[in-house]
């Protein structure tokens, strides 16, 4: 195991001159700016978000960039848990008081190391512009975005302060973590979809019942794919109890001891993730067939997650995320298949079954984690 680097050691990698002194680039339009930012920080969302109707595409793009700012704080290995929590709280204040955006951007830029990607450095330098775009939306849209980011930043800050570098304690803890980083996004998107379309709003209650599970399915897929890269930077989101029941200690992740126990634990998590993705399909089929853009946005994400799970399931001996990354051909095939069947629910169910062939399955609660019901009932409001 590579030791988790201290904040003082990592600060030597920081390059404030490039982050603070270089002039910001000029973009011809809001959409061009957000599109370039998205392409730099997430190839998946840069692919799926443009499928949405134009007005919805702009607000969802901005929402993702806001969430990515919080993700950048969480992923920065140069920051201690306390400093990450500090920056999360400062970002929340920035959303409430936009004039703080310049100060926040400069402070965070100066704290990022070279292990944070250049694209994320660029995003943080442009926080003021991202926040100005947020302020341009309607009040209901802004409220949906701010509720999501507030819950995400608060939850991530709490997990960072816990400082669990050897995995989470239980599946319940994993549910709570996934709620804060992905379930709240599912709720936010549902709010935005309902604001966009009265026909979608008619299914609001049923969609909200599935929204957290949808987000958790995508997040658990990422956790499984990125487990080795996360561990190398001092983070681990695997539930220790699940693996202990299979005779594996998560602390031995890089030692190679009892590899079969690790693989059995991964297979159990694949089954749970598969269950969440089934709920994600049910969510997508509640979207009216005429809303092909929103359906494609959802279905492409589900299809790519399923193919990733299937690849992990076939390569349980993987030791690097690149070994289970799906090919460009698979991505193109997913896009083509869903475009051809996007309005046919029966065919979509068949496609899901084909993509999920060979995966174990476990039931996944549609209401999400206990934190959802105890802390977040307000998120149900439009």
Protein backbone atom coordinates (compact mmCIF):
# COMPACT_ATOMS: atom_id res chain seq x y z
CA UNK A 1 0.00 0.00 0.00
CA UNK A 2 1.30 3.43 -0.91
CA UNK A 3 1.21 5.59 2.26
CA UNK A 4 -1.33 8.41 2.30
CA UNK A 5 0.67 11.55 1.70
CA UNK A 6 0.54 14.34 4.24
CA UNK A 7 -0.84 17.79 3.40
CA UNK A 8 2.58 19.38 3.93
CA UNK A 9 4.30 16.93 1.59
CA UNK A 10 1.66 17.23 -1.08
CA UNK A 11 1.76 21.04 -0.97
CA UNK A 12 5.11 20.86 -2.76
CA UNK A 13 3.22 19.65 -5.83
CA UNK A 14 0.96 22.68 -5.86
CA UNK A 15 1.46 25.19 -8.64
CA UNK A 16 -0.33 28.43 -7.63
CA UNK A 17 1.35 30.39 -10.39
CA UNK A 18 -0.51 28.49 -13.11
CA UNK A 19 -3.74 28.36 -11.11
CA UNK A 20 -3.89 31.96 -9.91
CA UNK A 21 -1.97 34.12 -12.36
CA UNK A 22 -2.92 32.81 -15.81
CA UNK A 23 -5.78 34.79 -17.39
CA UNK A 24 -9.09 33.03 -17.68
CA UNK A 25 -10.07 31.87 -21.13
CA UNK A 26 -12.95 33.58 -22.93
CA UNK A 27 -15.79 31.50 -24.39
CA UNK A 28 -18.31 32.67 -27.00
CA UNK A 29 -21.33 31.52 -25.00
CA UNK A 30 -22.55 29.93 -21.77
CA UNK A 31 -23.21 26.66 -23.55
CA UNK A 32 -19.73 26.59 -25.12
CA UNK A 33 -18.15 27.23 -21.72
CA UNK A 34 -20.13 24.53 -19.95
CA UNK A 35 -19.63 22.04 -22.77
CA UNK A 36 -15.85 22.45 -22.64
CA UNK A 37 -15.79 22.19 -18.85
CA UNK A 38 -17.88 19.00 -18.99
CA UNK A 39 -15.69 17.42 -21.66
CA UNK A 40 -12.65 17.99 -19.47
CA UNK A 41 -13.99 16.51 -16.24
CA UNK A 42 -16.38 13.76 -17.39
CA UNK A 43 -16.49 12.06 -20.77
CA UNK A 44 -19.65 10.17 -19.77
CA UNK A 45 -21.71 13.23 -18.83
CA UNK A 46 -20.25 15.20 -21.74
CA UNK A 47 -21.84 12.46 -23.87
CA UNK A 48 -25.20 12.07 -22.11
CA UNK A 49 -26.16 15.61 -21.00
CA UNK A 50 -26.35 17.03 -24.57
CA UNK A 51 -29.14 14.52 -25.27
CA UNK A 52 -31.43 16.57 -23.03
CA UNK A 53 -33.71 19.33 -24.38
CA UNK A 54 -31.69 22.54 -24.80
CA UNK A 55 -33.01 24.47 -21.78
CA UNK A 56 -32.71 21.42 -19.57
CA UNK A 57 -29.23 20.70 -20.93
CA UNK A 58 -28.00 24.09 -19.73
CA UNK A 59 -29.23 23.70 -16.16
CA UNK A 60 -28.16 20.06 -15.84
CA UNK A 61 -24.71 20.92 -17.21
CA UNK A 62 -24.38 23.60 -14.56
CA UNK A 63 -25.63 21.25 -11.87
CA UNK A 64 -23.02 18.69 -12.79
CA UNK A 65 -20.24 21.30 -12.71
CA UNK A 66 -21.36 22.40 -9.24
CA UNK A 67 -21.24 18.79 -8.05
CA UNK A 68 -17.87 18.30 -9.71
CA UNK A 69 -16.45 21.21 -7.74
CA UNK A 70 -17.38 19.35 -4.55
CA UNK A 71 -15.92 16.13 -6.01
CA UNK A 72 -12.66 17.92 -6.76
CA UNK A 73 -12.38 18.94 -3.12
CA UNK A 74 -13.06 15.38 -1.97
CA UNK A 75 -10.57 13.83 -4.39
CA UNK A 76 -7.64 16.16 -3.64
CA UNK A 77 -5.02 14.09 -1.75
CA UNK A 78 -3.13 17.19 -0.57
CA UNK A 79 -6.00 18.19 1.70
CA UNK A 80 -6.68 16.75 5.13
CA UNK A 81 -10.23 15.74 6.03
CA UNK A 82 -10.64 18.95 8.03
CA UNK A 83 -9.47 21.13 5.13
CA UNK A 84 -11.80 19.32 2.73
CA UNK A 85 -14.69 19.96 5.09
CA UNK A 86 -13.62 23.62 5.32
CA UNK A 87 -13.64 24.08 1.55
CA UNK A 88 -17.00 22.29 1.22
CA UNK A 89 -18.52 24.71 3.72
CA UNK A 90 -16.90 27.69 1.98
CA UNK A 91 -18.38 26.57 -1.33
CA UNK A 92 -21.85 26.43 0.19
CA UNK A 93 -21.38 30.01 1.42
CA UNK A 94 -20.26 30.98 -2.07
CA UNK A 95 -23.53 29.70 -3.54
CA UNK A 96 -25.45 31.83 -1.05
CA UNK A 97 -23.18 34.89 -1.38
CA UNK A 98 -21.80 34.89 -4.97
CA UNK A 99 -19.37 37.75 -4.28
CA UNK A 100 -17.31 35.23 -2.28
CA UNK A 101 -16.67 33.16 -5.42
CA UNK A 102 -13.41 34.87 -6.41
CA UNK A 103 -11.89 34.43 -2.95
CA UNK A 104 -13.03 30.82 -2.75
CA UNK A 105 -11.63 30.07 -6.21
CA UNK A 106 -8.22 31.59 -5.40
CA UNK A 107 -7.93 29.79 -2.06
CA UNK A 108 -8.88 26.40 -3.45
CA UNK A 109 -6.68 26.80 -6.53
CA UNK A 110 -3.70 27.49 -4.29
CA UNK A 111 -4.42 24.28 -2.35
CA UNK A 112 -4.75 21.88 -5.29
CA UNK A 113 -1.82 19.63 -6.16
CA UNK A 114 -0.64 18.37 -9.52
CA UNK A 115 -2.51 15.12 -8.80
CA UNK A 116 -5.71 17.01 -9.54
CA UNK A 117 -6.19 17.06 -13.31
CA UNK A 118 -5.58 20.22 -15.35
CA UNK A 119 -9.26 20.20 -16.35
CA UNK A 120 -10.30 20.29 -12.69
CA UNK A 121 -7.80 23.09 -12.00
CA UNK A 122 -9.46 25.00 -14.85
CA UNK A 123 -12.93 24.33 -13.42
CA UNK A 124 -11.94 25.66 -10.01
CA UNK A 125 -10.43 28.77 -11.59
CA UNK A 126 -13.80 29.36 -13.25
CA UNK A 127 -15.98 28.87 -10.17
CA UNK A 128 -17.15 32.52 -10.36
CA UNK A 129 -18.54 31.98 -13.86
CA UNK A 130 -20.19 28.67 -12.91
CA UNK A 131 -21.92 30.38 -9.98
CA UNK A 132 -23.03 33.32 -12.14
CA UNK A 133 -24.70 30.87 -14.50
CA UNK A 134 -26.44 29.20 -11.55
CA UNK A 135 -27.86 32.57 -10.53
CA UNK A 136 -29.40 33.00 -14.00
CA UNK A 137 -31.86 30.13 -13.61
CA UNK A 138 -35.41 30.31 -12.31
CA UNK A 139 -35.90 30.24 -8.56
CA UNK A 140 -37.28 26.65 -8.51
CA UNK A 141 -34.31 25.47 -10.60
CA UNK A 142 -31.82 27.25 -8.32
CA UNK A 143 -33.46 25.75 -5.26
CA UNK A 144 -33.18 22.24 -6.74
CA UNK A 145 -29.48 22.74 -7.49
CA UNK A 146 -28.66 24.33 -4.14
CA UNK A 147 -30.45 21.61 -2.15
CA UNK A 148 -28.47 18.97 -4.00
CA UNK A 149 -25.09 20.66 -3.58
CA UNK A 150 -25.79 21.46 0.08
CA UNK A 151 -26.62 17.83 0.87
CA UNK A 152 -23.62 16.61 -1.11
CA UNK A 153 -21.11 18.99 0.46
CA UNK A 154 -22.46 18.41 3.96
CA UNK A 155 -22.38 14.63 3.56
CA UNK A 156 -18.95 14.50 1.93
CA UNK A 157 -17.57 16.75 4.65
CA UNK A 158 -18.86 14.42 7.33
CA UNK A 159 -17.32 11.37 5.68
CA UNK A 160 -13.99 13.15 5.25
CA UNK A 161 -13.91 14.04 8.94
CA UNK A 162 -14.48 10.38 9.80
CA UNK A 163 -11.22 9.61 8.00
CA UNK A 164 -11.99 5.96 7.22
CA UNK A 165 -9.15 4.98 4.90
CA UNK A 166 -9.67 1.22 5.30
CA UNK A 167 -13.21 1.06 3.99
CA UNK A 168 -16.63 1.89 5.36
CA UNK A 169 -17.94 -0.17 8.23
CA UNK A 170 -21.11 -1.61 6.71
CA UNK A 171 -23.45 -1.68 3.74
CA UNK A 172 -25.59 0.86 5.57
CA UNK A 173 -22.64 3.25 5.64
CA UNK A 174 -22.14 2.67 1.92
CA UNK A 175 -25.83 3.48 1.36
CA UNK A 176 -25.38 6.75 3.23
CA UNK A 177 -22.24 7.67 1.32
CA UNK A 178 -23.89 6.89 -2.02
CA UNK A 179 -26.91 8.96 -1.02
CA UNK A 180 -24.79 12.03 -0.37
CA UNK A 181 -22.72 11.76 -3.56
CA UNK A 182 -25.28 10.35 -6.02
CA UNK A 183 -28.74 9.84 -4.53
CA UNK A 184 -29.18 13.58 -4.05
CA UNK A 185 -28.32 14.02 -7.74
CA UNK A 186 -31.13 11.62 -8.66
CA UNK A 187 -33.54 13.68 -6.58
CA UNK A 188 -32.32 16.93 -8.13
CA UNK A 189 -32.67 15.60 -11.67
CA UNK A 190 -36.18 14.41 -10.90
CA UNK A 191 -37.09 17.89 -9.65
CA UNK A 192 -35.67 19.45 -12.82
CA UNK A 193 -37.42 16.94 -15.07
CA UNK A 194 -40.75 17.65 -13.35
CA UNK A 195 -40.24 21.40 -13.71
CA UNK A 196 -39.54 20.85 -17.40
CA UNK A 197 -42.57 18.70 -18.20
CA UNK A 198 -46.05 18.57 -16.64
CA UNK A 199 -46.40 15.03 -18.07
CA UNK A 200 -43.32 13.91 -16.14
CA UNK A 201 -44.58 15.69 -13.03
CA UNK A 202 -47.63 13.44 -13.05
CA UNK A 203 -45.28 10.55 -12.16
CA UNK A 204 -43.34 12.59 -9.60
CA UNK A 205 -44.06 10.39 -6.59
CA UNK A 206 -43.09 7.16 -8.38
CA UNK A 207 -39.96 8.76 -9.86
CA UNK A 208 -38.83 10.11 -6.48
CA UNK A 209 -39.25 6.64 -4.98
CA UNK A 210 -36.67 5.34 -7.47
CA UNK A 211 -34.38 8.36 -7.86
CA UNK A 212 -31.99 7.61 -4.98
CA UNK A 213 -31.61 3.99 -6.07
CA UNK A 214 -30.86 5.13 -9.64
CA UNK A 215 -28.03 7.31 -8.39
CA UNK A 216 -26.70 4.61 -6.10
CA UNK A 217 -26.52 2.09 -8.93
CA UNK A 218 -24.31 4.40 -10.97
CA UNK A 219 -22.17 5.35 -7.96
CA UNK A 220 -21.59 1.76 -6.84
CA UNK A 221 -20.49 0.89 -10.36
CA UNK A 222 -17.90 3.68 -10.16
CA UNK A 223 -16.76 2.56 -6.71
CA UNK A 224 -16.14 -0.97 -7.97
CA UNK A 225 -14.40 0.21 -11.13
CA UNK A 226 -12.19 2.74 -9.33
CA UNK A 227 -11.46 0.79 -6.14
CA UNK A 228 -7.72 0.50 -6.84
CA UNK A 229 -7.22 4.11 -7.89
CA UNK A 230 -9.20 5.32 -4.86
CA UNK A 231 -7.11 3.15 -2.54
CA UNK A 232 -3.87 4.52 -3.93
CA UNK A 233 -4.95 8.06 -3.10
CA UNK A 234 -5.97 7.08 0.43
CA UNK A 235 -9.70 6.44 0.03
CA UNK A 236 -11.78 3.28 0.16
CA UNK A 237 -15.55 3.01 0.01
CA UNK A 238 -15.89 -0.78 0.25
CA UNK A 239 -18.03 -2.02 3.20
CA UNK A 240 -15.70 -3.95 5.53
CA UNK A 241 -18.50 -6.08 6.97
CA UNK A 242 -19.48 -7.53 3.59
CA UNK A 243 -15.90 -8.57 2.87
CA UNK A 244 -15.27 -9.82 6.41
CA UNK A 245 -18.21 -12.20 5.96
CA UNK A 246 -16.31 -13.61 2.97
CA UNK A 247 -13.11 -13.96 5.01
CA UNK A 248 -11.36 -10.92 3.53
CA UNK A 249 -9.91 -7.93 5.37
CA UNK A 250 -10.16 -4.74 3.29
CA UNK A 251 -6.88 -3.63 4.91
CA UNK A 252 -5.22 -6.40 2.86
CA UNK A 253 -6.49 -4.97 -0.43
CA UNK A 254 -3.06 -4.54 -2.00
CA UNK A 255 -1.30 -7.51 -0.39
CA UNK A 256 -2.93 -10.21 -2.51
CA UNK A 257 -3.87 -12.23 0.58
CA UNK A 258 -7.09 -14.26 0.28
CA UNK A 259 -7.90 -13.01 -3.19
CA UNK A 260 -10.87 -15.41 -3.51
CA UNK A 261 -12.49 -13.72 -0.47
CA UNK A 262 -12.11 -10.34 -2.14
CA UNK A 263 -13.66 -11.63 -5.35
CA UNK A 264 -16.63 -13.09 -3.47
CA UNK A 265 -17.19 -9.72 -1.78
CA UNK A 266 -17.04 -7.91 -5.12
CA UNK A 267 -19.54 -10.37 -6.58
CA UNK A 268 -21.97 -9.60 -3.74
CA UNK A 269 -21.66 -5.86 -4.40
CA UNK A 270 -22.21 -6.47 -8.10
CA UNK A 271 -25.51 -8.17 -7.24
CA UNK A 272 -26.63 -5.22 -5.11
CA UNK A 273 -25.59 -2.75 -7.80
CA UNK A 274 -27.47 -4.76 -10.42
CA UNK A 275 -30.60 -4.45 -8.26
CA UNK A 276 -30.23 -0.67 -8.15
CA UNK A 277 -29.80 -0.52 -11.92
CA UNK A 278 -33.04 -2.47 -12.33
CA UNK A 279 -34.70 0.31 -10.37
CA UNK A 280 -32.97 2.80 -12.67
CA UNK A 281 -34.59 1.12 -15.67
CA UNK A 282 -37.99 1.31 -13.98
CA UNK A 283 -37.36 5.02 -13.41
CA UNK A 284 -36.50 5.57 -17.06
CA UNK A 285 -39.64 3.81 -18.27
CA UNK A 286 -41.74 6.23 -16.20
CA UNK A 287 -40.51 9.07 -18.40
CA UNK A 288 -43.07 9.66 -21.21
CA UNK A 289 -42.02 8.03 -24.48
CA UNK A 290 -42.19 11.38 -26.24
CA UNK A 291 -39.31 12.67 -24.06
CA UNK A 292 -36.69 10.78 -26.03
CA UNK A 293 -33.86 13.09 -25.00
CA UNK A 294 -34.43 12.52 -21.29
CA UNK A 295 -34.91 8.81 -21.86
CA UNK A 296 -31.62 8.57 -23.78
CA UNK A 297 -29.86 10.54 -21.05
CA UNK A 298 -30.98 7.95 -18.48
CA UNK A 299 -30.67 4.84 -20.63
CA UNK A 300 -27.15 5.52 -21.89
CA UNK A 301 -25.92 5.87 -18.31
CA UNK A 302 -27.63 2.63 -17.30
CA UNK A 303 -26.29 0.74 -20.33
CA UNK A 304 -22.70 1.86 -19.76
CA UNK A 305 -22.94 0.96 -16.07
CA UNK A 306 -24.30 -2.51 -16.86
CA UNK A 307 -21.52 -3.22 -19.35
CA UNK A 308 -18.94 -2.06 -16.80
CA UNK A 309 -20.43 -4.36 -14.16
CA UNK A 310 -20.39 -7.27 -16.56
CA UNK A 311 -16.74 -6.64 -17.37
CA UNK A 312 -15.85 -6.51 -13.67
CA UNK A 313 -17.78 -9.73 -13.14
CA UNK A 314 -15.73 -11.43 -15.89
CA UNK A 315 -12.41 -10.03 -14.59
CA UNK A 316 -12.68 -10.32 -10.83
CA UNK A 317 -8.89 -10.57 -10.69
CA UNK A 318 -8.58 -6.95 -11.90
CA UNK A 319 -6.07 -4.71 -10.13
CA UNK A 320 -6.59 -1.52 -12.11
CA UNK A 321 -9.64 0.33 -13.38
CA UNK A 322 -8.30 0.34 -16.92
CA UNK A 323 -8.69 -3.44 -16.99
CA UNK A 324 -12.48 -3.12 -16.67
CA UNK A 325 -13.06 0.00 -18.76
CA UNK A 326 -15.50 -0.71 -21.58
CA UNK A 327 -14.42 -0.15 -25.17
CA UNK A 328 -15.49 2.65 -27.47
CA UNK A 329 -17.23 0.05 -29.60
CA UNK A 330 -19.35 -0.95 -26.60
CA UNK A 331 -20.22 2.70 -25.98
CA UNK A 332 -21.28 3.14 -29.62
CA UNK A 333 -23.30 -0.07 -29.49
CA UNK A 334 -25.13 1.11 -26.37
CA UNK A 335 -25.97 4.43 -27.99
CA UNK A 336 -27.24 2.80 -31.19
CA UNK A 337 -29.31 0.15 -29.41
CA UNK A 338 -31.04 2.64 -27.11
CA UNK A 339 -31.72 5.10 -29.92
CA UNK A 340 -33.45 2.38 -31.90
CA UNK A 341 -35.58 1.20 -28.96
CA UNK A 342 -35.97 4.36 -26.84
CA UNK A 343 -39.77 4.45 -27.24
CA UNK A 344 -40.36 0.70 -26.91
CA UNK A 345 -40.48 -0.35 -23.27
CA UNK A 346 -40.63 -4.08 -24.04
CA UNK A 347 -37.49 -3.97 -26.18
CA UNK A 348 -35.70 -1.86 -23.59
CA UNK A 349 -36.38 -4.50 -20.95
CA UNK A 350 -35.01 -7.16 -23.29
CA UNK A 351 -31.89 -5.09 -23.94
CA UNK A 352 -31.38 -4.67 -20.19
CA UNK A 353 -31.64 -8.42 -19.64
CA UNK A 354 -29.12 -9.10 -22.41
CA UNK A 355 -26.66 -6.53 -21.06
CA UNK A 356 -27.04 -7.91 -17.52
CA UNK A 357 -26.59 -11.56 -18.54
CA UNK A 358 -24.39 -13.41 -16.08
CA UNK A 359 -24.74 -10.88 -13.27
CA UNK A 360 -26.01 -11.97 -9.89
CA UNK A 361 -28.89 -9.97 -8.52
CA UNK A 362 -29.99 -8.80 -5.10
CA UNK A 363 -32.95 -6.65 -4.18
CA UNK A 364 -32.23 -2.96 -3.70
CA UNK A 365 -34.43 -0.71 -1.61
CA UNK A 366 -36.13 1.93 -3.75
CA UNK A 367 -36.19 4.52 -1.00
CA UNK A 368 -32.43 4.60 -0.61
CA UNK A 369 -30.54 4.80 2.67
CA UNK A 370 -31.86 5.67 6.10
CA UNK A 371 -30.25 9.10 5.83
CA UNK A 372 -32.67 9.83 2.98
CA UNK A 373 -35.74 9.49 5.19
CA UNK A 374 -34.28 11.01 8.33
CA UNK A 375 -32.62 14.11 6.84
CA UNK A 376 -33.93 14.76 3.35
CA UNK A 377 -37.70 14.87 3.19
CA UNK A 378 -37.36 18.46 2.07
CA UNK A 379 -35.76 17.24 -1.11
CA UNK A 380 -39.09 15.87 -2.23
CA UNK A 381 -40.49 19.37 -2.58
CA UNK A 382 -40.44 21.05 -5.98
